Amino acid sequence: MTLTELRYILAVARERHFSRAAEVCHVSQPTLSVAVRKLEDELGVQIFERDPKSAVRVTPPGERILAHAQRVIEEAEQLKQAAQHCNNPLQGTLRVGLIYTIGPYLLPYIIPALHQRAPLMPLLIEEGMTAELAARLQLGELDVIVVSEPFASAGVITQAVYD
């Protein structure tokens, strides 16, 4: 079983037609048909009812197979994104929390500096009270917070930004 075969069955289910699914997948119709039949044989389940006079229909067992196939494809995409993030950690969204009194002073400096350093990294900025920001940081809802000293929270590394 391959990801390609799973993509093929999802395309057939979506298009309800082998030839159109083959076009969407950029392969010949015989190539797609052979791959789908191979997967059905491997699983021991008929995924599609084929009737030359009407649209392809998904069998009840096929519905369950397709649901799993969709999840596998989504997980594979997430795996790819995670790997890309490892190669370029400055790509994903950076979620920054700031206390209300610091934001107006630091944001004019932070935003251009981050954009210059990581132009592909979206920036999400939220303002709040120190306790609220610290709690959201602990929950993983924020990646970094900027608060006034003194500040201490278990498991949080602090770094002075300016004196």
N, C-alpha and C. Protein backbone atom coordinates (compact mmCIF):
# COMPACT_ATOMS: atom_id res chain seq x y z
N MET A 1 0.85 -1.17 0.00
CA MET A 1 0.00 0.00 0.00
C MET A 1 0.90 1.24 0.00
N THR A 2 0.54 2.20 -0.84
CA THR A 2 1.34 3.41 -0.93
C THR A 2 0.45 4.64 -0.75
N LEU A 3 1.08 5.76 -0.45
CA LEU A 3 0.33 7.02 -0.37
C LEU A 3 -0.29 7.35 -1.71
N THR A 4 0.40 7.02 -2.78
CA THR A 4 -0.12 7.28 -4.13
C THR A 4 -1.43 6.52 -4.34
N GLU A 5 -1.47 5.26 -3.95
CA GLU A 5 -2.70 4.48 -4.09
C GLU A 5 -3.83 5.10 -3.26
N LEU A 6 -3.50 5.57 -2.07
CA LEU A 6 -4.52 6.20 -1.24
C LEU A 6 -5.03 7.49 -1.89
N ARG A 7 -4.12 8.26 -2.48
CA ARG A 7 -4.54 9.47 -3.19
C ARG A 7 -5.44 9.11 -4.38
N TYR A 8 -5.14 8.02 -5.04
CA TYR A 8 -5.95 7.59 -6.18
C TYR A 8 -7.37 7.25 -5.75
N ILE A 9 -7.52 6.47 -4.68
CA ILE A 9 -8.88 6.09 -4.27
C ILE A 9 -9.66 7.31 -3.79
N LEU A 10 -8.98 8.25 -3.16
CA LEU A 10 -9.66 9.48 -2.74
C LEU A 10 -10.13 10.28 -3.95
N ALA A 11 -9.31 10.31 -4.99
CA ALA A 11 -9.68 11.03 -6.22
C ALA A 11 -10.87 10.35 -6.90
N VAL A 12 -10.86 9.02 -6.96
CA VAL A 12 -11.98 8.30 -7.58
C VAL A 12 -13.26 8.58 -6.79
N ALA A 13 -13.17 8.54 -5.48
CA ALA A 13 -14.36 8.80 -4.65
C ALA A 13 -14.87 10.22 -4.87
N ARG A 14 -13.97 11.16 -4.97
CA ARG A 14 -14.34 12.57 -5.15
C ARG A 14 -14.96 12.80 -6.54
N GLU A 15 -14.33 12.23 -7.57
CA GLU A 15 -14.77 12.46 -8.95
C GLU A 15 -15.90 11.54 -9.38
N ARG A 16 -16.04 10.39 -8.70
CA ARG A 16 -17.04 9.37 -9.05
C ARG A 16 -16.87 8.86 -10.48
N HIS A 17 -15.62 8.91 -10.95
CA HIS A 17 -15.34 8.52 -12.33
C HIS A 17 -13.84 8.25 -12.44
N PHE A 18 -13.47 7.08 -12.97
CA PHE A 18 -12.05 6.71 -13.05
C PHE A 18 -11.26 7.61 -14.00
N SER A 19 -11.83 7.92 -15.15
CA SER A 19 -11.09 8.75 -16.12
C SER A 19 -10.83 10.15 -15.59
N ARG A 20 -11.86 10.75 -14.98
CA ARG A 20 -11.66 12.10 -14.42
C ARG A 20 -10.68 12.06 -13.25
N ALA A 21 -10.75 11.02 -12.43
CA ALA A 21 -9.80 10.88 -11.32
C ALA A 21 -8.38 10.75 -11.85
N ALA A 22 -8.21 10.00 -12.93
CA ALA A 22 -6.89 9.85 -13.54
C ALA A 22 -6.36 11.19 -14.02
N GLU A 23 -7.23 12.00 -14.62
CA GLU A 23 -6.81 13.33 -15.08
C GLU A 23 -6.36 14.18 -13.91
N VAL A 24 -7.14 14.17 -12.84
CA VAL A 24 -6.81 14.95 -11.65
C VAL A 24 -5.47 14.50 -11.06
N CYS A 25 -5.20 13.20 -11.14
CA CYS A 25 -3.95 12.65 -10.58
C CYS A 25 -2.79 12.69 -11.58
N HIS A 26 -3.06 13.15 -12.80
CA HIS A 26 -2.04 13.26 -13.84
C HIS A 26 -1.42 11.91 -14.20
N VAL A 27 -2.29 10.89 -14.32
CA VAL A 27 -1.86 9.56 -14.76
C VAL A 27 -2.88 9.06 -15.78
N SER A 28 -2.53 7.99 -16.46
CA SER A 28 -3.48 7.41 -17.40
C SER A 28 -4.56 6.66 -16.62
N GLN A 29 -5.71 6.49 -17.25
CA GLN A 29 -6.80 5.78 -16.60
C GLN A 29 -6.42 4.33 -16.30
N PRO A 30 -5.74 3.61 -17.22
CA PRO A 30 -5.34 2.24 -16.88
C PRO A 30 -4.38 2.18 -15.68
N THR A 31 -3.47 3.14 -15.58
CA THR A 31 -2.54 3.16 -14.45
C THR A 31 -3.31 3.31 -13.14
N LEU A 32 -4.26 4.23 -13.12
CA LEU A 32 -5.05 4.45 -11.92
C LEU A 32 -5.89 3.22 -11.60
N SER A 33 -6.53 2.64 -12.60
CA SER A 33 -7.38 1.46 -12.39
C SER A 33 -6.59 0.29 -11.82
N VAL A 34 -5.40 0.06 -12.37
CA VAL A 34 -4.56 -1.04 -11.88
C VAL A 34 -4.17 -0.80 -10.43
N ALA A 35 -3.81 0.44 -10.09
CA ALA A 35 -3.40 0.75 -8.72
C ALA A 35 -4.56 0.57 -7.75
N VAL A 36 -5.75 0.99 -8.14
CA VAL A 36 -6.92 0.85 -7.28
C VAL A 36 -7.24 -0.63 -7.09
N ARG A 37 -7.22 -1.40 -8.16
CA ARG A 37 -7.49 -2.84 -8.07
C ARG A 37 -6.45 -3.53 -7.19
N LYS A 38 -5.19 -3.13 -7.34
CA LYS A 38 -4.10 -3.70 -6.52
C LYS A 38 -4.36 -3.43 -5.04
N LEU A 39 -4.78 -2.21 -4.71
CA LEU A 39 -5.07 -1.87 -3.32
C LEU A 39 -6.27 -2.66 -2.81
N GLU A 40 -7.30 -2.77 -3.62
CA GLU A 40 -8.47 -3.56 -3.22
C GLU A 40 -8.07 -5.01 -2.97
N ASP A 41 -7.23 -5.58 -3.83
CA ASP A 41 -6.77 -6.96 -3.65
C ASP A 41 -5.95 -7.09 -2.37
N GLU A 42 -5.07 -6.12 -2.14
CA GLU A 42 -4.23 -6.16 -0.94
C GLU A 42 -5.07 -6.10 0.33
N LEU A 43 -6.11 -5.26 0.32
CA LEU A 43 -6.95 -5.10 1.50
C LEU A 43 -8.04 -6.17 1.59
N GLY A 44 -8.31 -6.83 0.47
CA GLY A 44 -9.37 -7.83 0.46
C GLY A 44 -10.75 -7.22 0.55
N VAL A 45 -10.89 -5.99 0.07
CA VAL A 45 -12.15 -5.25 0.15
C VAL A 45 -12.41 -4.56 -1.18
N GLN A 46 -13.65 -4.64 -1.65
CA GLN A 46 -14.02 -3.87 -2.84
C GLN A 46 -14.41 -2.48 -2.37
N ILE A 47 -13.64 -1.48 -2.81
CA ILE A 47 -13.87 -0.10 -2.38
C ILE A 47 -14.95 0.55 -3.23
N PHE A 48 -14.98 0.23 -4.52
CA PHE A 48 -15.90 0.87 -5.45
C PHE A 48 -16.75 -0.15 -6.18
N GLU A 49 -18.00 0.24 -6.46
CA GLU A 49 -18.87 -0.51 -7.36
C GLU A 49 -18.70 0.13 -8.73
N ARG A 50 -18.29 -0.66 -9.69
CA ARG A 50 -18.05 -0.14 -11.03
C ARG A 50 -19.21 -0.53 -11.94
N ASP A 51 -19.82 0.47 -12.55
CA ASP A 51 -20.91 0.25 -13.50
C ASP A 51 -20.65 1.18 -14.67
N PRO A 52 -20.35 0.62 -15.85
CA PRO A 52 -20.01 1.46 -17.00
C PRO A 52 -21.11 2.45 -17.39
N LYS A 53 -22.35 2.19 -16.97
CA LYS A 53 -23.47 3.04 -17.37
C LYS A 53 -23.77 4.15 -16.36
N SER A 54 -23.14 4.10 -15.20
CA SER A 54 -23.42 5.14 -14.19
C SER A 54 -22.13 5.51 -13.46
N ALA A 55 -22.25 6.46 -12.59
CA ALA A 55 -21.09 6.93 -11.83
C ALA A 55 -20.59 5.83 -10.90
N VAL A 56 -19.32 5.88 -10.61
CA VAL A 56 -18.71 4.94 -9.66
C VAL A 56 -19.33 5.20 -8.28
N ARG A 57 -19.66 4.14 -7.57
CA ARG A 57 -20.22 4.27 -6.23
C ARG A 57 -19.26 3.65 -5.22
N VAL A 58 -19.20 4.26 -4.05
CA VAL A 58 -18.37 3.75 -2.97
C VAL A 58 -19.17 2.71 -2.20
N THR A 59 -18.56 1.57 -1.92
CA THR A 59 -19.22 0.52 -1.14
C THR A 59 -19.20 0.92 0.34
N PRO A 60 -20.06 0.31 1.16
CA PRO A 60 -20.02 0.61 2.60
C PRO A 60 -18.63 0.35 3.22
N PRO A 61 -17.98 -0.80 2.91
CA PRO A 61 -16.62 -0.95 3.45
C PRO A 61 -15.66 0.09 2.86
N GLY A 62 -15.93 0.48 1.61
CA GLY A 62 -15.10 1.49 0.97
C GLY A 62 -15.16 2.83 1.70
N GLU A 63 -16.34 3.17 2.23
CA GLU A 63 -16.47 4.42 3.00
C GLU A 63 -15.51 4.43 4.18
N ARG A 64 -15.42 3.30 4.88
CA ARG A 64 -14.50 3.22 6.03
C ARG A 64 -13.06 3.30 5.57
N ILE A 65 -12.74 2.61 4.48
CA ILE A 65 -11.38 2.65 3.94
C ILE A 65 -11.02 4.08 3.54
N LEU A 66 -11.94 4.77 2.88
CA LEU A 66 -11.68 6.15 2.43
C LEU A 66 -11.48 7.09 3.61
N ALA A 67 -12.24 6.90 4.68
CA ALA A 67 -12.07 7.74 5.87
C ALA A 67 -10.66 7.57 6.44
N HIS A 68 -10.21 6.33 6.52
CA HIS A 68 -8.84 6.06 7.00
C HIS A 68 -7.81 6.64 6.03
N ALA A 69 -8.05 6.45 4.74
CA ALA A 69 -7.11 6.96 3.74
C ALA A 69 -6.97 8.47 3.85
N GLN A 70 -8.08 9.16 4.05
CA GLN A 70 -8.04 10.62 4.19
C GLN A 70 -7.19 11.02 5.40
N ARG A 71 -7.37 10.32 6.51
CA ARG A 71 -6.58 10.63 7.72
C ARG A 71 -5.10 10.36 7.48
N VAL A 72 -4.79 9.27 6.80
CA VAL A 72 -3.38 8.94 6.52
C VAL A 72 -2.75 10.02 5.64
N ILE A 73 -3.45 10.46 4.62
CA ILE A 73 -2.93 11.51 3.74
C ILE A 73 -2.73 12.81 4.52
N GLU A 74 -3.69 13.16 5.36
CA GLU A 74 -3.55 14.37 6.18
C GLU A 74 -2.36 14.26 7.12
N GLU A 75 -2.18 13.10 7.75
CA GLU A 75 -1.04 12.90 8.65
C GLU A 75 0.28 12.97 7.88
N ALA A 76 0.30 12.42 6.68
CA ALA A 76 1.52 12.48 5.86
C ALA A 76 1.86 13.92 5.52
N GLU A 77 0.85 14.74 5.24
CA GLU A 77 1.08 16.16 4.95
C GLU A 77 1.62 16.87 6.18
N GLN A 78 1.06 16.55 7.34
CA GLN A 78 1.54 17.15 8.58
C GLN A 78 2.98 16.73 8.86
N LEU A 79 3.31 15.49 8.54
CA LEU A 79 4.68 15.01 8.70
C LEU A 79 5.63 15.80 7.81
N LYS A 80 5.22 16.04 6.56
CA LYS A 80 6.04 16.84 5.64
C LYS A 80 6.26 18.25 6.19
N GLN A 81 5.18 18.85 6.69
CA GLN A 81 5.29 20.20 7.23
C GLN A 81 6.20 20.23 8.45
N ALA A 82 6.12 19.21 9.30
CA ALA A 82 6.99 19.15 10.47
C ALA A 82 8.45 19.03 10.04
N ALA A 83 8.70 18.23 9.03
CA ALA A 83 10.07 18.08 8.53
C ALA A 83 10.58 19.39 7.95
N GLN A 84 9.73 20.09 7.21
CA GLN A 84 10.12 21.38 6.65
C GLN A 84 10.39 22.38 7.76
N HIS A 85 9.59 22.30 8.83
CA HIS A 85 9.79 23.20 9.96
C HIS A 85 11.14 22.93 10.63
N CYS A 86 11.55 21.66 10.66
CA CYS A 86 12.86 21.32 11.23
C CYS A 86 13.98 21.94 10.40
N ASN A 87 13.80 21.96 9.10
CA ASN A 87 14.81 22.54 8.21
C ASN A 87 14.81 24.06 8.26
N ASN A 88 13.66 24.65 8.55
CA ASN A 88 13.55 26.10 8.63
C ASN A 88 12.61 26.46 9.77
N PRO A 89 13.14 26.50 11.00
CA PRO A 89 12.27 26.74 12.16
C PRO A 89 11.64 28.13 12.18
N LEU A 90 12.10 29.04 11.33
CA LEU A 90 11.54 30.38 11.30
C LEU A 90 10.42 30.50 10.27
N GLN A 91 9.67 29.42 10.07
CA GLN A 91 8.62 29.40 9.07
C GLN A 91 7.22 29.41 9.67
N GLY A 92 7.03 28.72 10.77
CA GLY A 92 5.70 28.63 11.37
C GLY A 92 5.32 29.93 12.06
N THR A 93 4.06 30.04 12.43
CA THR A 93 3.56 31.23 13.10
C THR A 93 4.21 31.39 14.47
N LEU A 94 4.69 32.59 14.77
CA LEU A 94 5.22 32.92 16.09
C LEU A 94 4.12 33.66 16.84
N ARG A 95 3.72 33.07 17.97
CA ARG A 95 2.63 33.65 18.77
C ARG A 95 3.25 34.39 19.96
N VAL A 96 3.15 35.72 19.93
CA VAL A 96 3.78 36.58 20.93
C VAL A 96 2.71 37.23 21.79
N GLY A 97 2.91 37.17 23.10
CA GLY A 97 2.03 37.86 24.03
C GLY A 97 2.80 38.98 24.71
N LEU A 98 2.19 40.14 24.82
CA LEU A 98 2.82 41.29 25.48
C LEU A 98 1.83 41.90 26.46
N ILE A 99 2.37 42.46 27.55
CA ILE A 99 1.49 43.19 28.44
C ILE A 99 1.14 44.52 27.77
N TYR A 100 -0.01 45.05 28.14
CA TYR A 100 -0.54 46.24 27.46
C TYR A 100 0.43 47.42 27.47
N THR A 101 1.17 47.61 28.56
CA THR A 101 2.03 48.79 28.68
C THR A 101 3.31 48.69 27.86
N ILE A 102 3.72 47.48 27.48
CA ILE A 102 4.97 47.31 26.73
C ILE A 102 4.74 47.33 25.22
N GLY A 103 3.61 46.81 24.78
CA GLY A 103 3.33 46.69 23.35
C GLY A 103 3.58 47.94 22.53
N PRO A 104 3.02 49.08 22.93
CA PRO A 104 3.21 50.28 22.11
C PRO A 104 4.67 50.71 21.96
N TYR A 105 5.50 50.36 22.93
CA TYR A 105 6.91 50.77 22.88
C TYR A 105 7.78 49.78 22.10
N LEU A 106 7.51 48.48 22.23
CA LEU A 106 8.38 47.48 21.60
C LEU A 106 7.93 47.05 20.21
N LEU A 107 6.63 47.02 19.96
CA LEU A 107 6.15 46.50 18.67
C LEU A 107 6.72 47.23 17.46
N PRO A 108 6.89 48.55 17.50
CA PRO A 108 7.49 49.20 16.33
C PRO A 108 8.91 48.71 16.02
N TYR A 109 9.58 48.14 17.01
CA TYR A 109 10.93 47.60 16.80
C TYR A 109 10.90 46.10 16.50
N ILE A 110 10.03 45.39 17.22
CA ILE A 110 9.98 43.92 17.10
C ILE A 110 9.48 43.49 15.72
N ILE A 111 8.41 44.10 15.25
CA ILE A 111 7.80 43.65 13.99
C ILE A 111 8.75 43.78 12.81
N PRO A 112 9.38 44.94 12.58
CA PRO A 112 10.31 45.03 11.44
C PRO A 112 11.52 44.10 11.59
N ALA A 113 12.03 43.95 12.81
CA ALA A 113 13.19 43.08 13.02
C ALA A 113 12.84 41.63 12.72
N LEU A 114 11.69 41.17 13.19
CA LEU A 114 11.28 39.79 12.91
C LEU A 114 10.99 39.58 11.43
N HIS A 115 10.37 40.56 10.81
CA HIS A 115 10.06 40.43 9.38
C HIS A 115 11.35 40.37 8.55
N GLN A 116 12.35 41.14 8.95
CA GLN A 116 13.62 41.10 8.22
C GLN A 116 14.33 39.77 8.43
N ARG A 117 14.29 39.26 9.64
CA ARG A 117 14.99 38.01 9.96
C ARG A 117 14.26 36.78 9.42
N ALA A 118 12.94 36.81 9.45
CA ALA A 118 12.13 35.65 9.04
C ALA A 118 10.92 36.14 8.24
N PRO A 119 11.11 36.51 6.98
CA PRO A 119 10.01 37.09 6.20
C PRO A 119 8.85 36.13 5.95
N LEU A 120 9.07 34.83 6.02
CA LEU A 120 7.98 33.87 5.78
C LEU A 120 7.23 33.49 7.04
N MET A 121 7.69 34.00 8.19
CA MET A 121 7.09 33.60 9.46
C MET A 121 5.95 34.55 9.83
N PRO A 122 4.71 34.06 9.82
CA PRO A 122 3.60 34.91 10.25
C PRO A 122 3.73 35.22 11.75
N LEU A 123 3.30 36.39 12.13
CA LEU A 123 3.40 36.84 13.50
C LEU A 123 2.00 37.08 14.05
N LEU A 124 1.71 36.46 15.18
CA LEU A 124 0.43 36.65 15.86
C LEU A 124 0.73 37.35 17.17
N ILE A 125 0.20 38.54 17.36
CA ILE A 125 0.48 39.33 18.55
C ILE A 125 -0.79 39.48 19.36
N GLU A 126 -0.68 39.21 20.66
CA GLU A 126 -1.81 39.36 21.56
C GLU A 126 -1.35 40.10 22.80
N GLU A 127 -2.21 40.98 23.29
CA GLU A 127 -1.91 41.72 24.51
C GLU A 127 -2.77 41.18 25.64
N GLY A 128 -2.26 41.29 26.86
CA GLY A 128 -3.01 40.82 28.01
C GLY A 128 -2.29 41.16 29.29
N MET A 129 -2.85 40.69 30.40
CA MET A 129 -2.24 40.88 31.72
C MET A 129 -1.19 39.79 31.92
N THR A 130 -0.20 40.07 32.77
CA THR A 130 0.92 39.16 32.98
C THR A 130 0.45 37.75 33.34
N ALA A 131 -0.44 37.63 34.31
CA ALA A 131 -0.89 36.31 34.76
C ALA A 131 -1.57 35.54 33.62
N GLU A 132 -2.39 36.24 32.85
CA GLU A 132 -3.09 35.60 31.72
C GLU A 132 -2.09 35.13 30.66
N LEU A 133 -1.12 35.99 30.33
CA LEU A 133 -0.12 35.63 29.33
C LEU A 133 0.73 34.45 29.80
N ALA A 134 1.11 34.46 31.08
CA ALA A 134 1.92 33.37 31.63
C ALA A 134 1.15 32.05 31.57
N ALA A 135 -0.13 32.09 31.89
CA ALA A 135 -0.95 30.87 31.83
C ALA A 135 -1.05 30.35 30.40
N ARG A 136 -1.24 31.25 29.45
CA ARG A 136 -1.35 30.85 28.04
C ARG A 136 -0.03 30.31 27.52
N LEU A 137 1.08 30.86 28.02
CA LEU A 137 2.40 30.34 27.65
C LEU A 137 2.55 28.91 28.15
N GLN A 138 2.17 28.67 29.40
CA GLN A 138 2.26 27.33 29.99
C GLN A 138 1.37 26.33 29.24
N LEU A 139 0.24 26.79 28.72
CA LEU A 139 -0.68 25.91 27.98
C LEU A 139 -0.24 25.68 26.53
N GLY A 140 0.81 26.41 26.11
CA GLY A 140 1.28 26.26 24.74
C GLY A 140 0.49 27.10 23.74
N GLU A 141 -0.35 28.00 24.23
CA GLU A 141 -1.13 28.86 23.33
C GLU A 141 -0.31 30.03 22.82
N LEU A 142 0.77 30.37 23.52
CA LEU A 142 1.71 31.41 23.10
C LEU A 142 3.10 30.81 23.08
N ASP A 143 3.95 31.32 22.20
CA ASP A 143 5.32 30.82 22.10
C ASP A 143 6.27 31.62 22.98
N VAL A 144 6.00 32.90 23.14
CA VAL A 144 6.86 33.79 23.91
C VAL A 144 6.00 34.91 24.48
N ILE A 145 6.38 35.39 25.67
CA ILE A 145 5.67 36.55 26.23
C ILE A 145 6.70 37.60 26.62
N VAL A 146 6.27 38.85 26.56
CA VAL A 146 7.11 39.97 26.98
C VAL A 146 6.36 40.64 28.12
N VAL A 147 6.96 40.57 29.33
CA VAL A 147 6.33 41.12 30.53
C VAL A 147 7.36 41.93 31.30
N SER A 148 6.89 42.65 32.30
CA SER A 148 7.79 43.44 33.15
C SER A 148 8.37 42.57 34.25
N GLU A 149 9.55 42.93 34.70
CA GLU A 149 10.14 42.26 35.85
C GLU A 149 9.61 42.91 37.12
N PRO A 150 9.58 42.24 38.23
CA PRO A 150 10.03 40.87 38.43
C PRO A 150 8.99 39.88 37.91
N PHE A 151 9.48 38.81 37.32
CA PHE A 151 8.61 37.76 36.81
C PHE A 151 9.32 36.43 36.98
N ALA A 152 8.62 35.47 37.54
CA ALA A 152 9.15 34.11 37.66
C ALA A 152 7.97 33.15 37.54
N SER A 153 8.19 32.09 36.79
CA SER A 153 7.17 31.06 36.62
C SER A 153 7.88 29.74 36.39
N ALA A 154 7.45 28.70 37.09
CA ALA A 154 8.10 27.40 36.97
C ALA A 154 8.11 26.93 35.52
N GLY A 155 9.27 26.49 35.07
CA GLY A 155 9.41 25.95 33.72
C GLY A 155 9.53 26.99 32.63
N VAL A 156 9.59 28.27 33.00
CA VAL A 156 9.70 29.35 32.02
C VAL A 156 11.09 29.96 32.10
N ILE A 157 11.75 30.05 30.98
CA ILE A 157 13.07 30.67 30.90
C ILE A 157 12.86 32.15 30.64
N THR A 158 13.53 33.00 31.43
CA THR A 158 13.40 34.44 31.24
C THR A 158 14.69 35.02 30.68
N GLN A 159 14.53 36.09 29.92
CA GLN A 159 15.67 36.79 29.32
C GLN A 159 15.36 38.28 29.36
N ALA A 160 16.25 39.05 29.96
CA ALA A 160 16.06 40.50 29.99
C ALA A 160 16.21 41.05 28.57
N VAL A 161 15.26 41.88 28.15
CA VAL A 161 15.30 42.47 26.82
C VAL A 161 16.02 43.81 26.86
N TYR A 162 15.78 44.59 27.91
CA TYR A 162 16.46 45.87 28.07
C TYR A 162 16.45 46.25 29.54
N ASP A 163 17.30 47.18 29.91
CA ASP A 163 17.38 47.64 31.31
C ASP A 163 16.58 48.89 31.51
